[in-house]
Amino acid sequence: MPEVAALGNDIPRSVAIVGNAPDLHSLSSADQIDAAEWVVRFNNASGFGTWSGKRVTHLALVNHGGQMEEWLSDATFVQRPVVQQASHILFPFPRKTENPSAQEKDGRDWTDAAQTLLQALEVSVTILPETVHQSARQLLASSENRVPTPSTGFLVALFLLGMLPAQTRIDVHGFGFEGWSGHSWMEEKRWFEERATEGRLTLHPLPRKSAA
């Protein structure tokens, strides 16, 4: 695991990890999110600048697959406020060793191109190591899914908890634990709830959906 200095010079007293759950707009946590020393957001950062707060320090951008390819082809991507304001970029996936021409389009590694694009912003870039992925798969493996595919949110949270000291307050907002069927949502939710029970983080639940 890299040291805290890889993501900032000082150990933060508080961190807000902000997911992109569809119901995030129903939260009233914007002020609490913005009050954290580190504010970690993901990809298109749903609600940034409005109902999910106005601060970001660390932005996780998926560096493999079609989403990054789409961003690279968008001339305005680096002008987005959330990209401009982030001082640190997290790439969740390690570089692939095979030639790009041999990689499947859905999983192609765009790390080098993304780093080149972001160079002008003079941001720090951290690539999550393979050891984080190995740990995540072990934690999420079940009899139904022996080789799980962890979500980006899970990978980043696991990385941060492994790097930050226990005295750092970590608040998790906007995690709905649903979406792409390939992720192990039930196991991921259980892991977050266990860490919350241990006092390692605070998991802020989304508002209950009203009955139809």
Protein backbone atom coordinates (compact mmCIF):
# COMPACT_ATOMS: atom_id res chain seq x y z
CA MET A 1 0.00 0.00 0.00
CA PRO A 2 1.30 3.49 -0.76
CA GLU A 3 1.78 5.92 2.10
CA VAL A 4 -0.68 8.71 2.81
CA ALA A 5 1.79 11.11 1.17
CA ALA A 6 0.84 9.56 -2.17
CA LEU A 7 -2.53 11.28 -1.84
CA GLY A 8 -1.64 14.34 0.19
CA ASN A 9 1.05 15.69 2.44
CA ASP A 10 -0.94 15.53 5.67
CA ILE A 11 -3.00 12.83 7.33
CA PRO A 12 -6.62 14.01 7.12
CA ARG A 13 -8.75 14.20 10.21
CA SER A 14 -11.88 13.56 8.15
CA VAL A 15 -12.77 12.06 4.78
CA ALA A 16 -16.08 12.05 2.92
CA ILE A 17 -16.48 9.33 0.28
CA VAL A 18 -19.35 10.34 -1.98
CA GLY A 19 -21.03 7.79 -4.24
CA ASN A 20 -23.33 8.37 -7.18
CA ALA A 21 -26.52 6.61 -6.08
CA PRO A 22 -29.62 7.91 -7.91
CA ASP A 23 -31.27 8.88 -4.61
CA LEU A 24 -28.31 11.00 -3.51
CA HIS A 25 -30.29 14.14 -4.33
CA SER A 26 -32.63 13.28 -1.45
CA LEU A 27 -29.82 13.63 1.09
CA SER A 28 -29.25 16.74 3.17
CA SER A 29 -25.55 16.05 3.68
CA ALA A 30 -23.96 18.63 1.37
CA ASP A 31 -22.64 20.80 4.21
CA GLN A 32 -21.27 17.78 6.07
CA ILE A 33 -19.59 16.51 2.90
CA ASP A 34 -17.99 19.87 2.19
CA ALA A 35 -16.72 20.14 5.78
CA ALA A 36 -14.47 17.06 5.40
CA GLU A 37 -10.76 17.65 4.80
CA TRP A 38 -10.76 15.14 1.94
CA VAL A 39 -13.78 14.80 -0.31
CA VAL A 40 -13.54 11.78 -2.59
CA ARG A 41 -15.86 11.58 -5.59
CA PHE A 42 -16.30 9.24 -8.54
CA ASN A 43 -16.43 9.58 -12.31
CA ASN A 44 -19.15 12.06 -13.34
CA ALA A 45 -19.69 13.02 -9.68
CA SER A 46 -23.47 13.15 -9.54
CA GLY A 47 -24.78 16.35 -7.97
CA PHE A 48 -21.40 18.02 -7.67
CA GLY A 49 -21.83 21.76 -7.21
CA THR A 50 -25.42 21.41 -6.03
CA TRP A 51 -27.10 18.82 -3.82
CA SER A 52 -24.03 16.64 -3.10
CA GLY A 53 -21.76 19.51 -2.13
CA LYS A 54 -19.32 21.85 -3.82
CA ARG A 55 -15.92 20.47 -2.82
CA VAL A 56 -13.68 17.75 -4.18
CA THR A 57 -10.09 16.87 -3.34
CA HIS A 58 -9.79 13.39 -4.83
CA LEU A 59 -11.56 12.22 -7.98
CA ALA A 60 -11.64 8.54 -8.93
CA LEU A 61 -11.89 8.08 -12.70
CA VAL A 62 -12.38 4.62 -14.17
CA ASN A 63 -9.35 4.19 -16.43
CA HIS A 64 -10.39 1.05 -18.30
CA GLY A 65 -13.25 0.67 -20.77
CA GLY A 66 -15.73 2.79 -22.66
CA GLN A 67 -16.34 5.50 -20.08
CA MET A 68 -12.75 6.72 -20.18
CA GLU A 69 -12.72 6.43 -23.97
CA GLU A 70 -15.78 8.70 -24.03
CA TRP A 71 -14.11 11.24 -21.76
CA LEU A 72 -10.96 11.25 -23.88
CA SER A 73 -13.01 12.14 -26.96
CA ASP A 74 -14.77 14.99 -25.13
CA ALA A 75 -12.80 18.23 -25.55
CA THR A 76 -14.64 19.78 -22.60
CA PHE A 77 -13.95 16.97 -20.13
CA VAL A 78 -10.93 18.60 -18.47
CA GLN A 79 -12.91 21.84 -18.19
CA ARG A 80 -15.54 20.27 -15.96
CA PRO A 81 -15.53 21.91 -12.51
CA VAL A 82 -15.09 18.60 -10.68
CA VAL A 83 -12.02 17.76 -12.77
CA GLN A 84 -10.60 21.27 -12.50
CA GLN A 85 -11.00 21.39 -8.73
CA ALA A 86 -9.62 17.95 -7.88
CA SER A 87 -6.02 18.00 -6.69
CA HIS A 88 -5.62 14.23 -6.83
CA ILE A 89 -6.83 11.68 -9.38
CA LEU A 90 -7.34 8.03 -8.49
CA PHE A 91 -7.26 5.40 -11.23
CA PRO A 92 -8.91 2.26 -9.79
CA PHE A 93 -7.33 -0.24 -12.18
CA PRO A 94 -3.66 -1.18 -12.66
CA ARG A 95 -2.12 -0.93 -16.12
CA LYS A 96 -2.58 -3.94 -18.36
CA THR A 97 0.52 -5.63 -19.68
CA GLU A 98 -0.82 -6.80 -23.04
CA ASN A 99 -0.71 -4.65 -26.15
CA PRO A 100 -3.76 -2.33 -26.42
CA SER A 101 -4.62 -3.82 -29.82
CA ALA A 102 -5.09 -7.19 -28.11
CA GLN A 103 -7.40 -5.83 -25.40
CA GLU A 104 -11.17 -6.07 -25.57
CA LYS A 105 -12.82 -2.71 -26.18
CA ASP A 106 -14.98 -2.89 -23.05
CA GLY A 107 -11.89 -3.34 -20.90
CA ARG A 108 -9.22 -1.46 -22.79
CA ASP A 109 -6.62 0.28 -20.67
CA TRP A 110 -6.64 4.05 -21.26
CA THR A 111 -4.34 4.97 -18.37
CA ASP A 112 -1.51 6.46 -20.44
CA ALA A 113 -3.85 8.54 -22.59
CA ALA A 114 -5.72 9.75 -19.50
CA GLN A 115 -2.52 10.78 -17.76
CA THR A 116 -1.44 12.70 -20.84
CA LEU A 117 -4.80 14.48 -20.96
CA LEU A 118 -4.63 15.44 -17.28
CA GLN A 119 -1.00 16.55 -17.36
CA ALA A 120 -1.88 20.18 -18.02
CA LEU A 121 -3.88 20.29 -14.78
CA GLU A 122 -0.78 19.38 -12.74
CA VAL A 123 -2.76 16.98 -10.56
CA SER A 124 -1.27 14.09 -8.62
CA VAL A 125 -2.22 10.67 -9.96
CA THR A 126 -2.41 7.45 -7.95
CA ILE A 127 -3.08 4.08 -9.57
CA LEU A 128 -4.55 1.51 -7.21
CA PRO A 129 -2.23 -1.51 -7.05
CA GLU A 130 -3.22 -5.05 -7.94
CA THR A 131 -2.96 -5.99 -4.26
CA VAL A 132 -6.09 -3.93 -3.57
CA HIS A 133 -7.98 -5.91 -6.22
CA GLN A 134 -6.72 -9.20 -4.81
CA SER A 135 -7.87 -8.24 -1.32
CA ALA A 136 -11.24 -7.07 -2.64
CA ARG A 137 -11.87 -10.33 -4.48
CA GLN A 138 -11.00 -12.34 -1.38
CA LEU A 139 -13.31 -10.26 0.79
CA LEU A 140 -16.25 -10.48 -1.61
CA ALA A 141 -15.90 -14.09 -2.77
CA SER A 142 -18.85 -16.34 -2.02
CA SER A 143 -20.04 -19.81 -2.95
CA GLU A 144 -22.21 -18.22 -5.66
CA ASN A 145 -19.42 -16.01 -7.01
CA ARG A 146 -15.89 -17.21 -6.41
CA VAL A 147 -14.28 -14.54 -8.62
CA PRO A 148 -16.25 -11.34 -7.92
CA THR A 149 -15.85 -8.03 -9.75
CA PRO A 150 -15.59 -5.29 -7.10
CA SER A 151 -17.17 -1.92 -7.80
CA THR A 152 -15.01 1.18 -8.11
CA GLY A 153 -16.53 2.52 -4.90
CA PHE A 154 -15.57 -0.61 -3.01
CA LEU A 155 -12.02 -0.60 -4.38
CA VAL A 156 -11.41 3.03 -3.46
CA ALA A 157 -12.94 2.65 0.01
CA LEU A 158 -10.85 -0.46 0.69
CA PHE A 159 -7.73 1.37 -0.51
CA LEU A 160 -8.39 4.37 1.74
CA LEU A 161 -9.20 2.32 4.82
CA GLY A 162 -5.99 0.37 4.34
CA MET A 163 -3.98 3.56 4.07
CA LEU A 164 -5.51 5.93 6.63
CA PRO A 165 -5.14 5.61 10.40
CA ALA A 166 -8.03 4.59 12.61
CA GLN A 167 -8.36 8.09 14.04
CA THR A 168 -9.37 9.53 10.66
CA ARG A 169 -13.14 9.95 10.54
CA ILE A 170 -14.53 8.44 7.34
CA ASP A 171 -18.11 9.19 6.26
CA VAL A 172 -19.62 7.30 3.34
CA HIS A 173 -22.47 9.01 1.49
CA GLY A 174 -24.52 8.10 -1.55
CA PHE A 175 -23.79 4.37 -1.76
CA GLY A 176 -26.94 2.57 -2.89
CA PHE A 177 -25.38 -0.89 -3.43
CA GLU A 178 -27.25 -1.53 -6.64
CA GLY A 179 -26.52 -1.18 -10.34
CA TRP A 180 -24.59 -3.41 -12.71
CA SER A 181 -25.50 -7.04 -12.01
CA GLY A 182 -21.86 -8.13 -12.26
CA HIS A 183 -20.97 -6.54 -8.92
CA SER A 184 -21.47 -8.32 -5.59
CA TRP A 185 -23.70 -5.68 -4.06
CA MET A 186 -24.94 -7.71 -1.11
CA GLU A 187 -21.41 -8.65 -0.09
CA GLU A 188 -20.18 -5.09 -0.57
CA LYS A 189 -22.98 -3.70 1.58
CA ARG A 190 -22.24 -6.27 4.28
CA TRP A 191 -18.57 -5.26 4.29
CA PHE A 192 -19.42 -1.57 4.72
CA GLU A 193 -21.90 -2.37 7.49
CA GLU A 194 -19.27 -4.46 9.29
CA ARG A 195 -16.74 -1.63 9.10
CA ALA A 196 -19.40 0.73 10.43
CA THR A 197 -20.10 -1.62 13.35
CA GLU A 198 -16.38 -1.67 14.10
CA GLY A 199 -16.37 2.13 14.16
CA ARG A 200 -14.01 2.37 11.21
CA LEU A 201 -16.46 4.42 9.15
CA THR A 202 -19.93 5.93 9.25
CA LEU A 203 -22.29 4.70 6.54
CA HIS A 204 -25.02 7.23 5.82
CA PRO A 205 -28.06 5.34 4.47
CA LEU A 206 -30.06 6.67 1.57
CA PRO A 207 -33.63 7.77 2.30
CA ARG A 208 -36.15 4.95 2.16
CA LYS A 209 -38.20 4.92 -1.01
CA SER A 210 -41.84 5.65 -0.27
CA ALA A 211 -44.33 2.93 -1.09
CA ALA A 212 -46.20 3.35 -4.36
